[in-house]
C-alpha atoms as a PDB file:
ATOM      1  CA  LYS A   1      29.709 -72.241 -35.480  1.00  0.00           C
ATOM      2  CA  GLN A   2      28.385 -73.179 -32.095  1.00  0.00           C
ATOM      3  CA  ILE A   3      30.330 -70.325 -30.530  1.00  0.00           C
ATOM      4  CA  GLN A   4      29.013 -67.879 -33.131  1.00  0.00           C
ATOM      5  CA  LYS A   5      25.456 -69.059 -32.488  1.00  0.00           C
ATOM      6  CA  ALA A   6      25.867 -68.701 -28.715  1.00  0.00           C
ATOM      7  CA  THR A   7      27.539 -65.297 -29.066  1.00  0.00           C
ATOM      8  CA  GLY A   8      24.835 -64.123 -31.467  1.00  0.00           C
ATOM      9  CA  GLY A   9      22.205 -65.145 -28.914  1.00  0.00           C
ATOM     10  CA  PHE A  10      23.933 -63.097 -26.230  1.00  0.00           C
ATOM     11  CA  LEU A  11      24.156 -60.121 -28.567  1.00  0.00           C
ATOM     12  CA  SER A  12      20.445 -60.409 -29.343  1.00  0.00           C
ATOM     13  CA  LEU A  13      19.694 -60.650 -25.638  1.00  0.00           C
ATOM     14  CA  GLY A  14      21.922 -57.616 -24.969  1.00  0.00           C
ATOM     15  CA  THR A  15      20.156 -55.622 -27.677  1.00  0.00           C
ATOM     16  CA  ALA A  16      16.762 -56.586 -26.263  1.00  0.00           C
ATOM     17  CA  LEU A  17      17.805 -55.666 -22.724  1.00  0.00           C
ATOM     18  CA  GLY A  18      19.199 -52.355 -24.004  1.00  0.00           C
ATOM     19  CA  GLY A  19      15.846 -51.639 -25.638  1.00  0.00           C
ATOM     20  CA  VAL A  20      14.040 -52.428 -22.382  1.00  0.00           C
ATOM     21  CA  ALA A  21      16.384 -50.102 -20.481  1.00  0.00           C
ATOM     22  CA  ILE A  22      15.761 -47.300 -22.968  1.00  0.00           C
ATOM     23  CA  ALA A  23      12.006 -47.854 -22.761  1.00  0.00           C
ATOM     24  CA  ALA A  24      12.151 -47.797 -18.950  1.00  0.00           C
ATOM     25  CA  THR A  25      14.204 -44.594 -19.012  1.00  0.00           C
ATOM     26  CA  LEU A  26      11.771 -42.951 -21.409  1.00  0.00           C
ATOM     27  CA  THR A  27       8.857 -44.055 -19.227  1.00  0.00           C
ATOM     28  CA  LYS A  28      10.501 -42.512 -16.143  1.00  0.00           C
ATOM     29  CA  ALA A  29      11.229 -39.303 -18.056  1.00  0.00           C
ATOM     30  CA  GLY A  30       7.628 -39.143 -19.220  1.00  0.00           C
ATOM     31  CA  GLN A  31       6.378 -39.646 -15.666  1.00  0.00           C
ATOM     32  CA  ALA A  32       8.667 -36.875 -14.406  1.00  0.00           C
ATOM     33  CA  LEU A  33       7.463 -34.530 -17.143  1.00  0.00           C
ATOM     34  CA  LEU A  34       3.845 -35.344 -16.326  1.00  0.00           C
ATOM     35  CA  ALA A  35       4.464 -34.731 -12.606  1.00  0.00           C
ATOM     36  CA  PHE A  36       6.138 -31.401 -13.411  1.00  0.00           C
ATOM     37  CA  GLY A  37       3.170 -30.400 -15.566  1.00  0.00           C
ATOM     38  CA  SER A  38       0.719 -31.404 -12.833  1.00  0.00           C
ATOM     39  CA  ASP A  39       2.684 -29.455 -10.211  1.00  0.00           C
ATOM     40  CA  SER A  40       2.797 -26.411 -12.475  1.00  0.00           C
ATOM     41  CA  ILE A  41      -0.943 -26.538 -13.081  1.00  0.00           C
ATOM     42  CA  ARG A  42      -1.596 -26.992  -9.354  1.00  0.00           C
ATOM     43  CA  ALA A  43       0.621 -23.992  -8.534  1.00  0.00           C
ATOM     44  CA  ALA A  44      -1.132 -21.844 -11.140  1.00  0.00           C
ATOM     45  CA  MET A  45      -4.519 -22.831  -9.727  1.00  0.00           C
ATOM     46  CA  GLN A  46      -3.357 -22.009  -6.196  1.00  0.00           C
ATOM     47  CA  ALA A  47      -2.107 -18.598  -7.338  1.00  0.00           C
ATOM     48  CA  GLU A  48      -5.413 -17.881  -9.046  1.00  0.00           C
ATOM     49  CA  ASP A  49      -7.364 -18.997  -5.968  1.00  0.00           C
ATOM     50  CA  SER A  50      -5.267 -16.756  -3.694  1.00  0.00           C
ATOM     51  CA  PHE A  51      -5.777 -13.767  -5.960  1.00  0.00           C
ATOM     52  CA  ASN A  52      -9.524 -14.437  -6.291  1.00  0.00           C
ATOM     53  CA  ARG A  53      -9.904 -14.639  -2.492  1.00  0.00           C
ATOM     54  CA  LEU A  54      -7.981 -11.378  -2.178  1.00  0.00           C
ATOM     55  CA  ARG A  55     -10.120  -9.732  -4.848  1.00  0.00           C
ATOM     56  CA  ALA A  56     -13.321 -10.921  -3.154  1.00  0.00           C
ATOM     57  CA  ALA A  57     -12.151  -9.626   0.213  1.00  0.00           C
ATOM     58  CA  ALA A  58     -11.064  -6.273  -1.240  1.00  0.00           C
ATOM     59  CA  SER A  59     -14.336  -5.737  -3.070  1.00  0.00           C
ATOM     60  CA  SER A  60     -16.546  -6.883  -0.193  1.00  0.00           C
ATOM     61  CA  VAL A  61     -15.071  -4.404   2.293  1.00  0.00           C
ATOM     62  CA  GLY A  62     -14.353  -1.509  -0.051  1.00  0.00           C
ATOM     63  CA  ALA A  63     -10.673  -1.704   0.818  1.00  0.00           C
ATOM     64  CA  GLY A  64      -9.604   1.583  -0.733  1.00  0.00           C
ATOM     65  CA  ALA A  65      -7.167  -0.244  -2.996  1.00  0.00           C
ATOM     66  CA  SER A  66      -7.520  -2.795  -5.744  1.00  0.00           C
ATOM     67  CA  ALA A  67      -6.639  -6.453  -5.475  1.00  0.00           C
ATOM     68  CA  GLU A  68      -3.916  -5.761  -8.035  1.00  0.00           C
ATOM     69  CA  GLN A  69      -2.326  -3.202  -5.689  1.00  0.00           C
ATOM     70  CA  PHE A  70      -2.392  -5.698  -2.825  1.00  0.00           C
ATOM     71  CA  ALA A  71      -0.952  -8.376  -5.122  1.00  0.00           C
ATOM     72  CA  HIS A  72       1.874  -5.969  -6.023  1.00  0.00           C
ATOM     73  CA  LEU A  73       2.606  -5.529  -2.312  1.00  0.00           C
ATOM     74  CA  ALA A  74       2.602  -9.327  -1.930  1.00  0.00           C
ATOM     75  CA  ALA A  75       5.062  -9.656  -4.813  1.00  0.00           C
ATOM     76  CA  GLN A  76       7.357  -7.093  -3.181  1.00  0.00           C
ATOM     77  CA  LEU A  77       7.289  -9.037   0.097  1.00  0.00           C
ATOM     78  CA  GLN A  78       7.967 -12.258  -1.812  1.00  0.00           C
ATOM     79  CA  ALA A  79      11.064 -10.664  -3.342  1.00  0.00           C
ATOM     80  CA  THR A  80      12.568  -9.850   0.069  1.00  0.00           C
ATOM     81  CA  THR A  81      11.398 -12.750   2.255  1.00  0.00           C
ATOM     82  CA  ARG A  82      10.927 -16.485   2.040  1.00  0.00           C
ATOM     83  CA  TYR A  83       7.128 -16.209   1.766  1.00  0.00           C
ATOM     84  CA  SER A  84       5.315 -16.731  -1.506  1.00  0.00           C
ATOM     85  CA  ASP A  85       3.013 -14.083  -2.849  1.00  0.00           C
ATOM     86  CA  ASP A  86       0.177 -16.627  -2.575  1.00  0.00           C
ATOM     87  CA  ALA A  87       0.752 -16.999   1.162  1.00  0.00           C
ATOM     88  CA  VAL A  88       1.007 -13.225   1.587  1.00  0.00           C
ATOM     89  CA  MET A  89      -2.198 -12.658  -0.405  1.00  0.00           C
ATOM     90  CA  SER A  90      -3.996 -15.105   1.900  1.00  0.00           C
ATOM     91  CA  VAL A  91      -2.804 -13.088   4.901  1.00  0.00           C
ATOM     92  CA  GLN A  92      -3.899  -9.870   3.190  1.00  0.00           C
ATOM     93  CA  ALA A  93      -7.374 -11.306   2.520  1.00  0.00           C
ATOM     94  CA  LEU A  94      -7.640 -12.212   6.206  1.00  0.00           C
ATOM     95  CA  GLY A  95      -6.539  -8.709   7.160  1.00  0.00           C
ATOM     96  CA  LEU A  96      -9.145  -7.126   4.901  1.00  0.00           C
ATOM     97  CA  ARG A  97     -11.896  -9.306   6.346  1.00  0.00           C
ATOM     98  CA  ILE A  98     -11.098  -8.135   9.882  1.00  0.00           C
ATOM     99  CA  GLY A  99     -10.826  -4.491   8.925  1.00  0.00           C
ATOM    100  CA  VAL A 100      -7.199  -3.750   8.097  1.00  0.00           C
ATOM    101  CA  THR A 101      -7.208  -0.703   5.819  1.00  0.00           C
ATOM    102  CA  ALA A 102      -5.228  -0.295   2.629  1.00  0.00           C
ATOM    103  CA  ARG A 103      -3.055   2.241   4.451  1.00  0.00           C
ATOM    104  CA  ASP A 104      -2.256  -0.287   7.220  1.00  0.00           C
ATOM    105  CA  MET A 105      -1.830  -3.340   4.964  1.00  0.00           C
ATOM    106  CA  PRO A 106       1.944  -2.908   4.474  1.00  0.00           C
ATOM    107  CA  ALA A 107       2.468  -2.864   8.264  1.00  0.00           C
ATOM    108  CA  PHE A 108       0.104  -5.838   8.708  1.00  0.00           C
ATOM    109  CA  THR A 109       1.815  -8.011   6.093  1.00  0.00           C
ATOM    110  CA  GLN A 110       5.307  -7.009   7.279  1.00  0.00           C
ATOM    111  CA  ALA A 111       4.350  -7.802  10.889  1.00  0.00           C
ATOM    112  CA  ALA A 112       3.015 -11.207   9.804  1.00  0.00           C
ATOM    113  CA  ALA A 113       6.253 -11.975   7.927  1.00  0.00           C
ATOM    114  CA  ASN A 114       8.473 -10.754  10.780  1.00  0.00           C
ATOM    115  CA  LEU A 115       6.462 -12.659  13.401  1.00  0.00           C
ATOM    116  CA  ALA A 116       6.483 -15.836  11.308  1.00  0.00           C
ATOM    117  CA  ALA A 117      10.237 -15.664  10.813  1.00  0.00           C
ATOM    118  CA  ALA A 118      11.000 -14.828  14.441  1.00  0.00           C
ATOM    119  CA  MET A 119       8.713 -17.527  15.868  1.00  0.00           C
ATOM    120  CA  GLN A 120       9.466 -20.072  13.123  1.00  0.00           C
ATOM    121  CA  ILE A 121       5.795 -20.456  12.250  1.00  0.00           C
ATOM    122  CA  ASP A 122       4.046 -20.129   8.921  1.00  0.00           C
ATOM    123  CA  ILE A 123       2.911 -16.707   7.785  1.00  0.00           C
ATOM    124  CA  GLY A 124      -0.767 -17.735   7.876  1.00  0.00           C
ATOM    125  CA  THR A 125      -0.569 -18.588  11.579  1.00  0.00           C
ATOM    126  CA  ALA A 126       1.231 -15.313  12.241  1.00  0.00           C
ATOM    127  CA  GLY A 127      -1.458 -13.426  10.321  1.00  0.00           C
ATOM    128  CA  GLU A 128      -4.172 -15.108  12.375  1.00  0.00           C
ATOM    129  CA  ALA A 129      -2.484 -14.115  15.653  1.00  0.00           C
ATOM    130  CA  LEU A 130      -2.205 -10.518  14.459  1.00  0.00           C
ATOM    131  CA  ALA A 131      -5.813 -10.529  13.262  1.00  0.00           C
ATOM    132  CA  LYS A 132      -6.950 -11.669  16.704  1.00  0.00           C
ATOM    133  CA  SER A 133      -4.994  -8.817  18.283  1.00  0.00           C
ATOM    134  CA  ILE A 134      -6.780  -6.354  16.002  1.00  0.00           C
ATOM    135  CA  GLU A 135     -10.038  -7.879  17.213  1.00  0.00           C
ATOM    136  CA  GLY A 136      -8.935  -6.996  20.750  1.00  0.00           C
ATOM    137  CA  GLN A 137      -7.552 -10.378  21.813  1.00  0.00           C
ATOM    138  CA  ARG A 138      -4.054 -10.278  23.219  1.00  0.00           C
ATOM    139  CA  MET A 139      -3.568 -13.874  24.405  1.00  0.00           C
ATOM    140  CA  GLY A 140      -2.274 -15.304  21.113  1.00  0.00           C
ATOM    141  CA  LEU A 141       0.585 -12.847  20.840  1.00  0.00           C
ATOM    142  CA  GLN A 142       1.247 -12.902  24.584  1.00  0.00           C
ATOM    143  CA  ARG A 143       1.656 -16.685  24.424  1.00  0.00           C
ATOM    144  CA  MET A 144       4.424 -15.989  21.926  1.00  0.00           C
ATOM    145  CA  GLY A 145       6.133 -13.781  24.494  1.00  0.00           C
ATOM    146  CA  ILE A 146       5.006 -10.448  23.070  1.00  0.00           C
ATOM    147  CA  ASP A 147       4.132  -8.009  25.844  1.00  0.00           C
ATOM    148  CA  LEU A 148       0.948  -6.129  25.011  1.00  0.00           C
ATOM    149  CA  SER A 149       0.069  -5.256  28.597  1.00  0.00           C
ATOM    150  CA  GLY A 150       0.631  -1.540  27.996  1.00  0.00           C
ATOM    151  CA  LEU A 151      -1.957  -1.452  25.203  1.00  0.00           C
ATOM    152  CA  SER A 152      -5.615  -0.732  25.754  1.00  0.00           C
ATOM    153  CA  GLU A 153      -8.246  -2.697  23.882  1.00  0.00           C
ATOM    154  CA  GLU A 154      -8.838   0.424  21.792  1.00  0.00           C
ATOM    155  CA  ALA A 155      -5.142   0.575  20.896  1.00  0.00           C
ATOM    156  CA  LEU A 156      -5.194  -3.122  19.976  1.00  0.00           C
ATOM    157  CA  ARG A 157      -8.193  -2.582  17.716  1.00  0.00           C
ATOM    158  CA  ALA A 158      -6.349   0.330  16.089  1.00  0.00           C
ATOM    159  CA  GLY A 159      -3.493  -2.039  15.197  1.00  0.00           C
ATOM    160  CA  ALA A 160      -0.944  -1.010  17.824  1.00  0.00           C
ATOM    161  CA  ALA A 161       0.216  -4.643  18.123  1.00  0.00           C
ATOM    162  CA  LEU A 162       1.517  -4.378  14.554  1.00  0.00           C
ATOM    163  CA  ASP A 163       3.902  -1.639  15.668  1.00  0.00           C
ATOM    164  CA  VAL A 164       4.992  -3.689  18.682  1.00  0.00           C
ATOM    165  CA  VAL A 165       5.697  -6.750  16.518  1.00  0.00           C
ATOM    166  CA  ASN A 166       7.434  -4.786  13.767  1.00  0.00           C
ATOM    167  CA  LYS A 167       9.649  -2.962  16.278  1.00  0.00           C
ATOM    168  CA  ARG A 168      10.533  -6.095  18.218  1.00  0.00           C
ATOM    169  CA  PHE A 169      11.187  -8.284  15.193  1.00  0.00           C
ATOM    170  CA  SER A 170      12.285  -5.636  12.702  1.00  0.00           C
ATOM    171  CA  GLY A 171      14.075  -7.262   9.796  1.00  0.00           C
ATOM    172  CA  ALA A 172      13.392 -10.824  10.960  1.00  0.00           C
ATOM    173  CA  ALA A 173      11.701 -11.854   7.714  1.00  0.00           C
ATOM    174  CA  ALA A 174      14.460 -10.449   5.517  1.00  0.00           C
ATOM    175  CA  GLY A 175      17.153 -11.789   7.847  1.00  0.00           C
ATOM    176  CA  ASP A 176      15.560 -15.231   7.793  1.00  0.00           C
ATOM    177  CA  VAL A 177      16.347 -15.446   4.083  1.00  0.00           C
ATOM    178  CA  GLU A 178      20.048 -14.807   4.710  1.00  0.00           C
ATOM    179  CA  THR A 179      20.413 -17.231   7.628  1.00  0.00           C
ATOM    180  CA  ASN A 180      19.375 -20.369   5.795  1.00  0.00           C
ATOM    181  CA  TRP A 181      22.130 -22.879   5.039  1.00  0.00           C
ATOM    182  CA  PHE A 182      22.297 -21.227   1.650  1.00  0.00           C
ATOM    183  CA  SER A 183      21.324 -17.696   0.742  1.00  0.00           C
ATOM    184  CA  LEU A 184      17.943 -17.330  -0.888  1.00  0.00           C
ATOM    185  CA  LYS A 185      18.578 -13.693  -1.751  1.00  0.00           C
ATOM    186  CA  GLY A 186      17.311 -13.126  -5.232  1.00  0.00           C
ATOM    187  CA  CYS A 187      15.733 -16.567  -5.372  1.00  0.00           C
ATOM    188  CA  ARG A 188      12.762 -16.500  -7.683  1.00  0.00           C
ATOM    189  CA  TYR A 189      11.151 -19.542  -6.051  1.00  0.00           C
ATOM    190  CA  PRO A 190      10.485 -18.650  -2.398  1.00  0.00           C
ATOM    191  CA  LEU A 191       9.503 -21.085   0.263  1.00  0.00           C
ATOM    192  CA  ASP A 192       6.068 -21.042   1.953  1.00  0.00           C
END
């Protein structure tokens, strides 16, 4: 009887510990689900903010294209590079604010993506360097080793640096996707 009593106590203790382990596992699962939900909401808010900034920039400068058209271009770039459409839309909004036209936006965003990939910088920093070149400043791109000495200030303001960058680093953004330790081609969750 003593052995049965002692064994029964261990079984009760084992059952109690099993219940605690299940409760702890469920708590962890709940925390993970809550974190996932929070991350999803944060990402949705960021996407909405990026689009709203793009829309505001497009409407304030009379861009000649709708924010939806620019967002479509951003989605196309997202599909072929490692840059999210949110990051691309931020670059587009910057471009619009400094005078990049709807006609020149594909070259501007492609140059930003190619420059970012080639220099291993984020696309926002690349967009800022290109924007400064369009404002007539050549130092930012020249510090990155891009020779703009043959361009006049007028040519810079007309966006000639975009052509220089896109020619020099042609395909860098798309190639950057393929040279990661695993291929991101077709990945629906790009990296920023």
